[in-house]
Amino acid sequence: MKRPFVIPETRLRPWELGLPEQRGHFRIFSVVATNVRTPDGEGRPEVYTIDVADSCGVVAVTEDEQLVLVRQLRFGTRELSLELPGGMLQPGEDPARGALRELREETGYEALAAEPLLTLHTNPSLQGNRHFAFVASGARLAGAQMFDEHEDCEVVLVPVEHAARLLDEGHMTHALCHAALSAFLRRRAAGDTSAR
C-alpha cells in the first residue's frame, strides 16, 4: 500500500513586511512598494509588487464535445493568443458568475453552471491576486459577443479529443489557460465527472 504524500514542513522563518505604499496607479493595476526586514532584523531595499484584481477563466465544453476558445491580440506579446475565455473579476463578483459572464461576453456562448477546477496565484513574486478556473459543460451559442474597449475576440471551436495537442504543440501559450486546460484533461482522464 502506498503511503500518502506529505509536503515537508518549512524551516524558513518569516520576513517582516511593512505596510504597502502605492507608488502609481495605471487604470487596471497599481505599483506598490513595501519595506522588508529579514528574520534576523536586517533591513533590505524595498520591494515592488503589482496590485491587480483577481481573474477567472473557463474551460467551456459544448454538448458535442467542442472546447469554446478565443483568439485575441495580447498587448504584452503583441501577438494573437489562443486562450480560454476569461478576464478580470469585477469588485465583489463571485468568481463562478464572473467566468460565465466572460464566456458570454467573449464568445456569445452560455452555460448553466461553472464547476470549480483550480485556483492559482498568477505570479506570486510580483502579484498577490488569484485566478479562478472553472469547467462549464453544455455550453451553447446564445447570442452575439460583447467586447470591452480593448477586446476583439474570434471564437475557435476545437474538439476535446485534440485539446492535448494545443498544449503539446505550443498553440496555447498563456500560462493560466495552459494550467487550467491541463488540469481539465488530467481530471477527465481520471474519470472525474466534473470535467465532462
N, C-alpha and C. Protein backbone atom coordinates (compact mmCIF):
# COMPACT_ATOMS: atom_id res chain seq x y z
N MET A 1 0.83 -1.19 0.00
CA MET A 1 0.00 0.00 0.00
C MET A 1 0.88 1.25 0.00
N LYS A 2 0.51 2.22 -0.87
CA LYS A 2 1.28 3.46 -0.96
C LYS A 2 1.04 4.33 0.26
N ARG A 3 2.14 4.92 0.74
CA ARG A 3 1.99 5.89 1.82
C ARG A 3 1.54 7.22 1.22
N PRO A 4 0.69 7.97 1.92
CA PRO A 4 0.25 9.25 1.38
C PRO A 4 1.42 10.23 1.31
N PHE A 5 1.41 11.03 0.29
CA PHE A 5 2.46 12.04 0.12
C PHE A 5 2.21 13.21 1.06
N VAL A 6 3.24 13.61 1.79
CA VAL A 6 3.14 14.74 2.70
C VAL A 6 4.24 15.74 2.35
N ILE A 7 3.86 17.00 2.15
CA ILE A 7 4.85 18.04 1.87
C ILE A 7 5.61 18.34 3.15
N PRO A 8 6.95 18.34 3.11
CA PRO A 8 7.73 18.60 4.32
C PRO A 8 7.42 19.97 4.92
N GLU A 9 7.50 20.06 6.25
CA GLU A 9 7.31 21.34 6.95
C GLU A 9 8.43 22.29 6.55
N THR A 10 8.14 23.58 6.54
CA THR A 10 9.16 24.57 6.20
C THR A 10 10.09 24.84 7.38
N ARG A 11 11.32 25.18 7.05
CA ARG A 11 12.28 25.62 8.07
C ARG A 11 12.54 27.12 7.94
N LEU A 12 11.91 27.76 6.97
CA LEU A 12 12.11 29.19 6.77
C LEU A 12 11.41 29.98 7.87
N ARG A 13 12.03 31.07 8.29
CA ARG A 13 11.41 31.98 9.24
C ARG A 13 10.81 33.15 8.45
N PRO A 14 9.70 33.69 8.93
CA PRO A 14 9.05 34.75 8.16
C PRO A 14 9.83 36.05 8.17
N TRP A 15 9.75 36.76 7.06
CA TRP A 15 10.31 38.11 6.95
C TRP A 15 9.27 39.09 7.47
N GLU A 16 9.73 40.23 7.92
CA GLU A 16 8.82 41.29 8.36
C GLU A 16 8.52 42.19 7.17
N LEU A 17 7.23 42.34 6.88
CA LEU A 17 6.80 43.18 5.76
C LEU A 17 6.11 44.42 6.30
N GLY A 18 6.56 45.59 5.86
CA GLY A 18 5.94 46.84 6.26
C GLY A 18 4.61 47.05 5.54
N LEU A 19 3.98 48.17 5.81
CA LEU A 19 2.72 48.49 5.15
C LEU A 19 2.97 48.84 3.69
N PRO A 20 2.12 48.33 2.79
CA PRO A 20 2.30 48.65 1.37
C PRO A 20 1.98 50.12 1.09
N GLU A 21 2.75 50.71 0.19
CA GLU A 21 2.55 52.11 -0.18
C GLU A 21 2.41 52.20 -1.70
N GLN A 22 1.26 52.71 -2.15
CA GLN A 22 1.03 52.80 -3.60
C GLN A 22 1.94 53.86 -4.19
N ARG A 23 2.64 53.51 -5.26
CA ARG A 23 3.56 54.43 -5.94
C ARG A 23 3.04 54.87 -7.30
N GLY A 24 2.02 54.21 -7.80
CA GLY A 24 1.44 54.61 -9.07
C GLY A 24 0.23 53.77 -9.39
N HIS A 25 -0.76 54.40 -10.01
CA HIS A 25 -1.97 53.66 -10.41
C HIS A 25 -2.15 53.84 -11.91
N PHE A 26 -2.39 52.72 -12.60
CA PHE A 26 -2.46 52.73 -14.06
C PHE A 26 -3.69 51.98 -14.55
N ARG A 27 -4.86 52.53 -14.37
CA ARG A 27 -6.16 52.03 -14.80
C ARG A 27 -6.52 50.67 -14.25
N ILE A 28 -5.79 49.61 -14.60
CA ILE A 28 -6.17 48.27 -14.14
C ILE A 28 -5.19 47.67 -13.12
N PHE A 29 -4.12 48.40 -12.79
CA PHE A 29 -3.20 47.90 -11.77
C PHE A 29 -2.50 49.07 -11.08
N SER A 30 -1.97 48.77 -9.90
CA SER A 30 -1.18 49.73 -9.13
C SER A 30 0.18 49.14 -8.84
N VAL A 31 1.19 50.00 -8.77
CA VAL A 31 2.52 49.60 -8.34
C VAL A 31 2.65 49.96 -6.86
N VAL A 32 3.09 48.99 -6.06
CA VAL A 32 3.14 49.13 -4.61
C VAL A 32 4.56 48.86 -4.12
N ALA A 33 5.02 49.68 -3.17
CA ALA A 33 6.34 49.47 -2.55
C ALA A 33 6.14 49.04 -1.10
N THR A 34 6.99 48.11 -0.63
CA THR A 34 6.90 47.61 0.74
C THR A 34 8.31 47.50 1.32
N ASN A 35 8.49 48.00 2.56
CA ASN A 35 9.76 47.83 3.26
C ASN A 35 9.81 46.42 3.83
N VAL A 36 11.01 45.80 3.81
CA VAL A 36 11.15 44.44 4.31
C VAL A 36 12.36 44.32 5.23
N ARG A 37 12.27 43.36 6.15
CA ARG A 37 13.39 43.01 7.02
C ARG A 37 13.51 41.49 7.04
N THR A 38 14.72 41.00 7.07
CA THR A 38 14.97 39.56 7.14
C THR A 38 14.55 39.05 8.52
N PRO A 39 14.48 37.73 8.71
CA PRO A 39 14.16 37.18 10.03
C PRO A 39 15.16 37.61 11.12
N ASP A 40 16.39 37.98 10.71
CA ASP A 40 17.40 38.45 11.67
C ASP A 40 17.31 39.95 11.92
N GLY A 41 16.32 40.62 11.32
CA GLY A 41 16.12 42.05 11.54
C GLY A 41 16.89 42.96 10.60
N GLU A 42 17.58 42.38 9.63
CA GLU A 42 18.36 43.19 8.70
C GLU A 42 17.44 43.83 7.66
N GLY A 43 17.52 45.15 7.51
CA GLY A 43 16.73 45.85 6.51
C GLY A 43 17.24 45.57 5.11
N ARG A 44 16.33 45.47 4.19
CA ARG A 44 16.68 45.25 2.79
C ARG A 44 16.02 46.35 1.94
N PRO A 45 16.47 46.54 0.70
CA PRO A 45 15.81 47.53 -0.15
C PRO A 45 14.33 47.19 -0.30
N GLU A 46 13.49 48.21 -0.44
CA GLU A 46 12.06 47.96 -0.57
C GLU A 46 11.79 47.11 -1.80
N VAL A 47 10.70 46.36 -1.73
CA VAL A 47 10.30 45.52 -2.86
C VAL A 47 9.09 46.15 -3.53
N TYR A 48 8.96 45.90 -4.82
CA TYR A 48 7.86 46.43 -5.60
C TYR A 48 6.98 45.28 -6.08
N THR A 49 5.68 45.47 -5.94
CA THR A 49 4.72 44.48 -6.41
C THR A 49 3.64 45.18 -7.22
N ILE A 50 2.81 44.37 -7.88
CA ILE A 50 1.72 44.89 -8.70
C ILE A 50 0.41 44.46 -8.07
N ASP A 51 -0.44 45.43 -7.80
CA ASP A 51 -1.75 45.15 -7.21
C ASP A 51 -2.77 45.14 -8.36
N VAL A 52 -3.37 43.99 -8.59
CA VAL A 52 -4.32 43.83 -9.69
C VAL A 52 -5.47 42.94 -9.22
N ALA A 53 -6.62 43.10 -9.84
CA ALA A 53 -7.82 42.34 -9.44
C ALA A 53 -7.65 40.85 -9.69
N ASP A 54 -8.42 40.05 -8.96
CA ASP A 54 -8.50 38.61 -9.24
C ASP A 54 -9.09 38.42 -10.63
N SER A 55 -8.82 37.25 -11.21
CA SER A 55 -9.31 36.95 -12.56
C SER A 55 -9.95 35.57 -12.59
N CYS A 56 -10.58 35.27 -13.69
CA CYS A 56 -11.26 33.98 -13.85
C CYS A 56 -11.10 33.50 -15.29
N GLY A 57 -11.28 32.21 -15.48
CA GLY A 57 -11.26 31.61 -16.81
C GLY A 57 -12.14 30.37 -16.79
N VAL A 58 -12.53 29.93 -17.98
CA VAL A 58 -13.46 28.79 -18.03
C VAL A 58 -13.13 27.86 -19.19
N VAL A 59 -13.06 26.57 -18.85
CA VAL A 59 -12.98 25.51 -19.86
C VAL A 59 -14.43 25.19 -20.21
N ALA A 60 -14.90 25.75 -21.32
CA ALA A 60 -16.30 25.57 -21.74
C ALA A 60 -16.36 24.47 -22.79
N VAL A 61 -17.27 23.51 -22.58
CA VAL A 61 -17.40 22.37 -23.48
C VAL A 61 -18.84 22.29 -23.97
N THR A 62 -19.01 22.20 -25.28
CA THR A 62 -20.35 22.10 -25.86
C THR A 62 -20.87 20.67 -25.74
N GLU A 63 -22.16 20.50 -26.01
CA GLU A 63 -22.78 19.17 -25.95
C GLU A 63 -22.10 18.19 -26.91
N ASP A 64 -21.58 18.70 -28.04
CA ASP A 64 -20.92 17.81 -29.00
C ASP A 64 -19.40 17.77 -28.81
N GLU A 65 -18.96 18.05 -27.54
CA GLU A 65 -17.56 17.87 -27.15
C GLU A 65 -16.58 18.78 -27.89
N GLN A 66 -16.95 20.04 -28.00
CA GLN A 66 -16.06 21.05 -28.56
C GLN A 66 -15.65 22.01 -27.44
N LEU A 67 -14.37 22.34 -27.38
CA LEU A 67 -13.91 23.39 -26.48
C LEU A 67 -14.22 24.74 -27.12
N VAL A 68 -14.75 25.65 -26.32
CA VAL A 68 -15.02 27.01 -26.81
C VAL A 68 -13.84 27.89 -26.40
N LEU A 69 -13.03 28.27 -27.38
CA LEU A 69 -11.82 29.06 -27.14
C LEU A 69 -11.95 30.42 -27.83
N VAL A 70 -11.04 31.32 -27.47
CA VAL A 70 -10.98 32.61 -28.15
C VAL A 70 -9.55 32.87 -28.63
N ARG A 71 -9.48 33.58 -29.75
CA ARG A 71 -8.19 34.07 -30.23
C ARG A 71 -8.28 35.59 -30.19
N GLN A 72 -7.25 36.22 -29.58
CA GLN A 72 -7.27 37.68 -29.47
C GLN A 72 -5.85 38.23 -29.41
N LEU A 73 -5.73 39.51 -29.76
CA LEU A 73 -4.44 40.19 -29.67
C LEU A 73 -4.13 40.44 -28.21
N ARG A 74 -2.90 40.12 -27.80
CA ARG A 74 -2.44 40.42 -26.46
C ARG A 74 -1.36 41.49 -26.56
N PHE A 75 -1.55 42.59 -25.84
CA PHE A 75 -0.66 43.74 -25.98
C PHE A 75 0.73 43.48 -25.40
N GLY A 76 0.83 42.62 -24.39
CA GLY A 76 2.14 42.32 -23.82
C GLY A 76 3.07 41.64 -24.81
N THR A 77 2.55 40.65 -25.54
CA THR A 77 3.37 39.92 -26.51
C THR A 77 3.27 40.53 -27.91
N ARG A 78 2.23 41.38 -28.13
CA ARG A 78 1.97 41.97 -29.44
C ARG A 78 1.67 40.89 -30.48
N GLU A 79 1.05 39.81 -30.01
CA GLU A 79 0.72 38.69 -30.88
C GLU A 79 -0.68 38.19 -30.59
N LEU A 80 -1.24 37.44 -31.54
CA LEU A 80 -2.51 36.77 -31.31
C LEU A 80 -2.28 35.60 -30.36
N SER A 81 -3.24 35.37 -29.48
CA SER A 81 -3.11 34.32 -28.47
C SER A 81 -4.38 33.48 -28.45
N LEU A 82 -4.23 32.16 -28.47
CA LEU A 82 -5.36 31.23 -28.37
C LEU A 82 -5.54 30.91 -26.89
N GLU A 83 -6.75 31.17 -26.36
CA GLU A 83 -6.95 31.10 -24.92
C GLU A 83 -8.33 30.56 -24.56
N LEU A 84 -8.48 30.27 -23.27
CA LEU A 84 -9.79 30.02 -22.70
C LEU A 84 -10.47 31.37 -22.49
N PRO A 85 -11.79 31.44 -22.58
CA PRO A 85 -12.47 32.69 -22.24
C PRO A 85 -12.21 33.05 -20.78
N GLY A 86 -12.02 34.33 -20.51
CA GLY A 86 -11.78 34.74 -19.14
C GLY A 86 -11.40 36.20 -19.07
N GLY A 87 -11.19 36.67 -17.85
CA GLY A 87 -10.80 38.06 -17.65
C GLY A 87 -10.83 38.43 -16.19
N MET A 88 -10.76 39.72 -15.92
CA MET A 88 -10.74 40.22 -14.55
C MET A 88 -12.13 40.19 -13.95
N LEU A 89 -12.16 39.88 -12.66
CA LEU A 89 -13.42 39.92 -11.92
C LEU A 89 -13.76 41.35 -11.55
N GLN A 90 -15.04 41.65 -11.55
CA GLN A 90 -15.50 42.96 -11.11
C GLN A 90 -15.50 42.98 -9.58
N PRO A 91 -15.39 44.16 -8.95
CA PRO A 91 -15.35 44.22 -7.48
C PRO A 91 -16.54 43.50 -6.85
N GLY A 92 -16.25 42.56 -5.95
CA GLY A 92 -17.28 41.80 -5.25
C GLY A 92 -17.94 40.70 -6.06
N GLU A 93 -17.50 40.49 -7.29
CA GLU A 93 -18.15 39.49 -8.15
C GLU A 93 -17.76 38.08 -7.75
N ASP A 94 -18.75 37.19 -7.70
CA ASP A 94 -18.50 35.77 -7.45
C ASP A 94 -17.70 35.21 -8.63
N PRO A 95 -16.58 34.50 -8.37
CA PRO A 95 -15.75 34.01 -9.47
C PRO A 95 -16.48 33.13 -10.49
N ALA A 96 -17.39 32.25 -10.03
CA ALA A 96 -18.12 31.39 -10.98
C ALA A 96 -19.03 32.23 -11.88
N ARG A 97 -19.69 33.21 -11.29
CA ARG A 97 -20.53 34.11 -12.11
C ARG A 97 -19.68 34.91 -13.09
N GLY A 98 -18.51 35.33 -12.61
CA GLY A 98 -17.60 36.07 -13.49
C GLY A 98 -17.15 35.23 -14.67
N ALA A 99 -16.87 33.95 -14.42
CA ALA A 99 -16.44 33.06 -15.51
C ALA A 99 -17.55 32.89 -16.55
N LEU A 100 -18.79 32.73 -16.08
CA LEU A 100 -19.92 32.60 -17.03
C LEU A 100 -20.17 33.91 -17.76
N ARG A 101 -19.96 35.05 -17.07
CA ARG A 101 -20.10 36.35 -17.73
C ARG A 101 -19.06 36.51 -18.83
N GLU A 102 -17.81 36.17 -18.51
CA GLU A 102 -16.74 36.28 -19.50
C GLU A 102 -16.99 35.37 -20.70
N LEU A 103 -17.47 34.15 -20.44
CA LEU A 103 -17.80 33.23 -21.52
C LEU A 103 -18.83 33.86 -22.45
N ARG A 104 -19.88 34.43 -21.87
CA ARG A 104 -20.95 35.04 -22.66
C ARG A 104 -20.46 36.26 -23.44
N GLU A 105 -19.68 37.12 -22.77
CA GLU A 105 -19.22 38.35 -23.42
C GLU A 105 -18.23 38.07 -24.54
N GLU A 106 -17.27 37.19 -24.28
CA GLU A 106 -16.20 36.98 -25.27
C GLU A 106 -16.58 36.05 -26.40
N THR A 107 -17.53 35.14 -26.16
CA THR A 107 -17.83 34.12 -27.18
C THR A 107 -19.27 34.11 -27.66
N GLY A 108 -20.19 34.65 -26.90
CA GLY A 108 -21.60 34.52 -27.23
C GLY A 108 -22.20 33.20 -26.75
N TYR A 109 -21.36 32.34 -26.14
CA TYR A 109 -21.84 31.07 -25.60
C TYR A 109 -22.23 31.25 -24.15
N GLU A 110 -23.15 30.42 -23.67
CA GLU A 110 -23.51 30.43 -22.26
C GLU A 110 -23.65 29.00 -21.76
N ALA A 111 -23.56 28.87 -20.44
CA ALA A 111 -23.73 27.58 -19.77
C ALA A 111 -24.51 27.83 -18.49
N LEU A 112 -25.14 26.79 -17.99
CA LEU A 112 -25.97 26.93 -16.79
C LEU A 112 -25.15 27.07 -15.52
N ALA A 113 -23.99 26.43 -15.47
CA ALA A 113 -23.19 26.44 -14.24
C ALA A 113 -21.71 26.34 -14.57
N ALA A 114 -20.91 26.78 -13.62
CA ALA A 114 -19.45 26.67 -13.72
C ALA A 114 -18.95 25.93 -12.49
N GLU A 115 -18.32 24.78 -12.72
CA GLU A 115 -17.79 23.96 -11.62
C GLU A 115 -16.32 24.32 -11.37
N PRO A 116 -15.91 24.47 -10.11
CA PRO A 116 -14.53 24.83 -9.80
C PRO A 116 -13.53 23.80 -10.35
N LEU A 117 -12.46 24.29 -10.92
CA LEU A 117 -11.41 23.44 -11.46
C LEU A 117 -10.12 23.61 -10.65
N LEU A 118 -9.62 24.84 -10.53
CA LEU A 118 -8.45 25.12 -9.70
C LEU A 118 -8.33 26.60 -9.44
N THR A 119 -7.57 26.94 -8.42
CA THR A 119 -7.27 28.33 -8.08
C THR A 119 -5.76 28.48 -8.08
N LEU A 120 -5.28 29.52 -8.76
CA LEU A 120 -3.84 29.74 -8.89
C LEU A 120 -3.49 31.16 -8.46
N HIS A 121 -2.25 31.34 -8.01
CA HIS A 121 -1.69 32.68 -7.89
C HIS A 121 -0.99 32.94 -9.23
N THR A 122 -1.30 34.07 -9.85
CA THR A 122 -0.83 34.29 -11.21
C THR A 122 0.68 34.45 -11.31
N ASN A 123 1.28 35.17 -10.39
CA ASN A 123 2.73 35.34 -10.37
C ASN A 123 3.12 35.81 -8.97
N PRO A 124 3.31 34.88 -8.01
CA PRO A 124 3.50 35.24 -6.60
C PRO A 124 4.71 36.13 -6.32
N SER A 125 5.67 36.17 -7.22
CA SER A 125 6.83 37.03 -6.98
C SER A 125 6.48 38.51 -7.12
N LEU A 126 5.46 38.81 -7.93
CA LEU A 126 5.11 40.21 -8.17
C LEU A 126 3.66 40.55 -7.85
N GLN A 127 2.79 39.57 -7.79
CA GLN A 127 1.36 39.83 -7.65
C GLN A 127 0.75 38.95 -6.56
N GLY A 128 -0.28 39.47 -5.89
CA GLY A 128 -0.97 38.71 -4.86
C GLY A 128 -2.34 38.23 -5.30
N ASN A 129 -2.72 38.54 -6.51
CA ASN A 129 -4.07 38.18 -6.97
C ASN A 129 -4.17 36.70 -7.31
N ARG A 130 -5.42 36.24 -7.38
CA ARG A 130 -5.70 34.84 -7.70
C ARG A 130 -6.42 34.73 -9.04
N HIS A 131 -6.28 33.56 -9.65
CA HIS A 131 -7.00 33.23 -10.88
C HIS A 131 -7.84 32.00 -10.58
N PHE A 132 -9.15 32.11 -10.81
CA PHE A 132 -10.09 31.03 -10.56
C PHE A 132 -10.48 30.40 -11.89
N ALA A 133 -10.24 29.10 -12.04
CA ALA A 133 -10.58 28.40 -13.28
C ALA A 133 -11.76 27.46 -13.03
N PHE A 134 -12.64 27.37 -14.02
CA PHE A 134 -13.86 26.59 -13.91
C PHE A 134 -14.05 25.73 -15.15
N VAL A 135 -14.97 24.76 -15.02
CA VAL A 135 -15.44 23.96 -16.15
C VAL A 135 -16.92 24.26 -16.32
N ALA A 136 -17.32 24.53 -17.56
CA ALA A 136 -18.73 24.77 -17.87
C ALA A 136 -19.14 23.80 -18.97
N SER A 137 -19.94 22.83 -18.62
CA SER A 137 -20.40 21.82 -19.58
C SER A 137 -21.70 22.27 -20.24
N GLY A 138 -21.98 21.71 -21.41
CA GLY A 138 -23.22 22.02 -22.11
C GLY A 138 -23.29 23.43 -22.63
N ALA A 139 -22.14 24.03 -22.93
CA ALA A 139 -22.14 25.40 -23.45
C ALA A 139 -22.85 25.44 -24.81
N ARG A 140 -23.64 26.50 -25.01
CA ARG A 140 -24.35 26.64 -26.28
C ARG A 140 -24.35 28.10 -26.71
N LEU A 141 -24.38 28.30 -28.01
CA LEU A 141 -24.38 29.65 -28.56
C LEU A 141 -25.71 30.31 -28.21
N ALA A 142 -25.62 31.52 -27.63
CA ALA A 142 -26.83 32.19 -27.16
C ALA A 142 -27.02 33.57 -27.76
N GLY A 143 -26.02 34.10 -28.43
CA GLY A 143 -26.16 35.44 -28.99
C GLY A 143 -24.83 36.00 -29.44
N ALA A 144 -24.81 37.32 -29.61
CA ALA A 144 -23.62 38.00 -30.12
C ALA A 144 -22.61 38.22 -29.00
N GLN A 145 -21.35 38.37 -29.40
CA GLN A 145 -20.29 38.70 -28.46
C GLN A 145 -20.45 40.16 -28.02
N MET A 146 -19.92 40.46 -26.82
CA MET A 146 -19.98 41.83 -26.27
C MET A 146 -18.60 42.18 -25.72
N PHE A 147 -17.84 42.97 -26.46
CA PHE A 147 -16.46 43.25 -26.09
C PHE A 147 -16.32 44.53 -25.28
N ASP A 148 -15.23 44.58 -24.46
CA ASP A 148 -14.90 45.86 -23.84
C ASP A 148 -14.04 46.65 -24.82
N GLU A 149 -13.59 47.84 -24.42
CA GLU A 149 -12.92 48.74 -25.36
C GLU A 149 -11.58 48.25 -25.88
N HIS A 150 -10.98 47.27 -25.24
CA HIS A 150 -9.68 46.76 -25.69
C HIS A 150 -9.75 45.30 -26.14
N GLU A 151 -10.93 44.83 -26.51
CA GLU A 151 -11.10 43.43 -26.90
C GLU A 151 -11.62 43.31 -28.33
N ASP A 152 -11.21 42.24 -28.96
CA ASP A 152 -11.75 41.79 -30.24
C ASP A 152 -11.42 40.31 -30.33
N CYS A 153 -12.38 39.46 -29.99
CA CYS A 153 -12.13 38.01 -29.88
C CYS A 153 -12.77 37.25 -31.04
N GLU A 154 -12.03 36.28 -31.51
CA GLU A 154 -12.53 35.34 -32.51
C GLU A 154 -12.78 34.01 -31.81
N VAL A 155 -13.97 33.46 -31.97
CA VAL A 155 -14.30 32.16 -31.36
C VAL A 155 -13.64 31.05 -32.17
N VAL A 156 -13.01 30.12 -31.47
CA VAL A 156 -12.38 28.96 -32.10
C VAL A 156 -12.91 27.72 -31.37
N LEU A 157 -13.53 26.82 -32.12
CA LEU A 157 -14.02 25.56 -31.54
C LEU A 157 -13.03 24.45 -31.88
N VAL A 158 -12.62 23.72 -30.85
CA VAL A 158 -11.64 22.64 -31.01
C VAL A 158 -12.20 21.39 -30.34
N PRO A 159 -12.23 20.25 -31.05
CA PRO A 159 -12.71 19.02 -30.41
C PRO A 159 -11.87 18.70 -29.16
N VAL A 160 -12.55 18.31 -28.08
CA VAL A 160 -11.85 17.99 -26.84
C VAL A 160 -10.79 16.93 -27.07
N GLU A 161 -11.03 16.01 -27.98
CA GLU A 161 -10.05 14.94 -28.24
C GLU A 161 -8.72 15.48 -28.76
N HIS A 162 -8.70 16.72 -29.25
CA HIS A 162 -7.45 17.32 -29.75
C HIS A 162 -6.87 18.35 -28.79
N ALA A 163 -7.45 18.49 -27.61
CA ALA A 163 -7.02 19.53 -26.67
C ALA A 163 -5.57 19.38 -26.25
N ALA A 164 -5.10 18.17 -26.03
CA ALA A 164 -3.72 17.98 -25.59
C ALA A 164 -2.74 18.50 -26.65
N ARG A 165 -3.12 18.41 -27.90
CA ARG A 165 -2.24 18.91 -28.97
C ARG A 165 -2.06 20.42 -28.88
N LEU A 166 -3.10 21.14 -28.44
CA LEU A 166 -2.98 22.58 -28.27
C LEU A 166 -1.84 22.91 -27.31
N LEU A 167 -1.71 22.10 -26.27
CA LEU A 167 -0.68 22.31 -25.26
C LEU A 167 0.67 21.80 -25.75
N ASP A 168 0.69 20.57 -26.22
CA ASP A 168 1.95 19.93 -26.60
C ASP A 168 2.62 20.57 -27.80
N GLU A 169 1.83 21.13 -28.71
CA GLU A 169 2.39 21.72 -29.94
C GLU A 169 2.56 23.23 -29.84
N GLY A 170 2.33 23.79 -28.65
CA GLY A 170 2.58 25.21 -28.44
C GLY A 170 1.54 26.15 -29.02
N HIS A 171 0.33 25.67 -29.25
CA HIS A 171 -0.72 26.54 -29.79
C HIS A 171 -1.33 27.42 -28.69
N MET A 172 -1.28 26.95 -27.44
CA MET A 172 -1.80 27.72 -26.31
C MET A 172 -0.65 28.00 -25.37
N THR A 173 -0.19 29.25 -25.32
CA THR A 173 0.99 29.59 -24.52
C THR A 173 0.67 30.45 -23.31
N HIS A 174 -0.56 30.91 -23.15
CA HIS A 174 -0.96 31.68 -21.97
C HIS A 174 -0.90 30.72 -20.78
N ALA A 175 -0.04 31.03 -19.81
CA ALA A 175 0.24 30.09 -18.72
C ALA A 175 -1.00 29.72 -17.92
N LEU A 176 -1.87 30.67 -17.62
CA LEU A 176 -3.07 30.36 -16.83
C LEU A 176 -4.02 29.46 -17.60
N CYS A 177 -4.16 29.71 -18.89
CA CYS A 177 -5.02 28.86 -19.72
C CYS A 177 -4.42 27.47 -19.86
N HIS A 178 -3.11 27.42 -20.05
CA HIS A 178 -2.40 26.14 -20.18
C HIS A 178 -2.60 25.30 -18.92
N ALA A 179 -2.45 25.92 -17.74
CA ALA A 179 -2.61 25.19 -16.48
C ALA A 179 -4.03 24.68 -16.31
N ALA A 180 -5.02 25.51 -16.63
CA ALA A 180 -6.41 25.09 -16.47
C ALA A 180 -6.78 23.97 -17.42
N LEU A 181 -6.37 24.09 -18.67
CA LEU A 181 -6.69 23.03 -19.64
C LEU A 181 -5.97 21.74 -19.28
N SER A 182 -4.75 21.83 -18.79
CA SER A 182 -4.02 20.64 -18.33
C SER A 182 -4.75 19.96 -17.18
N ALA A 183 -5.20 20.74 -16.21
CA ALA A 183 -5.94 20.18 -15.07
C ALA A 183 -7.23 19.52 -15.54
N PHE A 184 -7.92 20.18 -16.46
CA PHE A 184 -9.16 19.62 -17.01
C PHE A 184 -8.90 18.26 -17.66
N LEU A 185 -7.86 18.17 -18.47
CA LEU A 185 -7.55 16.92 -19.17
C LEU A 185 -7.13 15.82 -18.20
N ARG A 186 -6.36 16.17 -17.16
CA ARG A 186 -5.96 15.17 -16.15
C ARG A 186 -7.18 14.63 -15.42
N ARG A 187 -8.06 15.52 -15.01
CA ARG A 187 -9.27 15.09 -14.30
C ARG A 187 -10.16 14.24 -15.18
N ARG A 188 -10.29 14.63 -16.42
CA ARG A 188 -11.13 13.87 -17.35
C ARG A 188 -10.56 12.47 -17.55
N ALA A 189 -9.24 12.39 -17.71
CA ALA A 189 -8.58 11.10 -17.90
C ALA A 189 -8.75 10.21 -16.67
N ALA A 190 -8.87 10.82 -15.48
CA ALA A 190 -9.03 10.07 -14.24
C ALA A 190 -10.49 9.71 -13.98
N GLY A 191 -11.40 10.13 -14.87
CA GLY A 191 -12.80 9.78 -14.73
C GLY A 191 -13.61 10.74 -13.89
N ASP A 192 -13.05 11.92 -13.58
CA ASP A 192 -13.76 12.92 -12.78
C ASP A 192 -14.96 13.43 -13.59
N THR A 193 -16.14 13.26 -13.06
CA THR A 193 -17.35 13.66 -13.80
C THR A 193 -17.53 15.17 -13.87
N SER A 194 -16.85 15.94 -13.00
CA SER A 194 -16.95 17.40 -13.10
C SER A 194 -16.21 17.92 -14.32
N ALA A 195 -15.36 17.10 -14.93
CA ALA A 195 -14.62 17.51 -16.12
C ALA A 195 -15.27 16.95 -17.37
N ARG A 196 -16.58 16.85 -17.37
CA ARG A 196 -17.32 16.35 -18.53
C ARG A 196 -18.11 17.46 -19.16
